[in-house]
Structures are given as C-alpha cells and as structure tokens.
Amino acid sequence: MTVKRLEEMVTTIQDFDYLGEKYFSHWVDKGRAEGREEGRAEGEIDSILTVLDARGLEISDEARERIRRCEDLSQLSTWVRRAATVASADDLFT
C-alpha cells in the first residue's frame, strides 16, 4: 500500500465522519429520543403491573394486554397513580 493511498483513506474516513455528523445527526438524535421514550414507557408499564401484583390484585389477560400496548406516557403515568388505589385492575381504565 502506498503512502498516497493511505492518505486518501484517512481523508475519506475523516470526510465520512464529517458528512455523517452534518447530514445524519438529526436522525441519530431522533432515534435516541424515541428509544428513551420507549424505555420510559416500558418502565411505567412494569411499574403498573408490579403495583397491581404487589397489592394482590388479579390482572386479566385483557387488562395486561391493554397496559402493555399503551405508548402514551401521560396515560401510563395516570395508571401508575391509579394502580395504588383501585379496587381491581379493570378500574384503571374508568
């Protein structure tokens, strides 16, 4: 391999990094934000199910599925608070 070819490779790699940051960083940042939001939703879902279980409340398959499908952080947060006081898992939704 020649010195000229090595220089070309280094320049290409540096250009790629620059172009990647310039043109793709928005998408990377968006993906990170979406990942964090999904992680928060999963944490809220786990919290709801844990609280209901710790209180000895039966969680029907339908209720469990409805909780697991929810992606709305505001709704999940409301359900976490309700899970501490409801008489049944189905009461979360009323």
Foldseek 3Di string as FASTA:
>chain_A
DDPVVVVVVVVVVVVVVVCCCVPPVVVVVVVVVVVVLQVLLVVLLVLLVVLLVVVVADQDPVLNVVSVPDSDNVLSVQSNVVSNPDPHSVVSVD
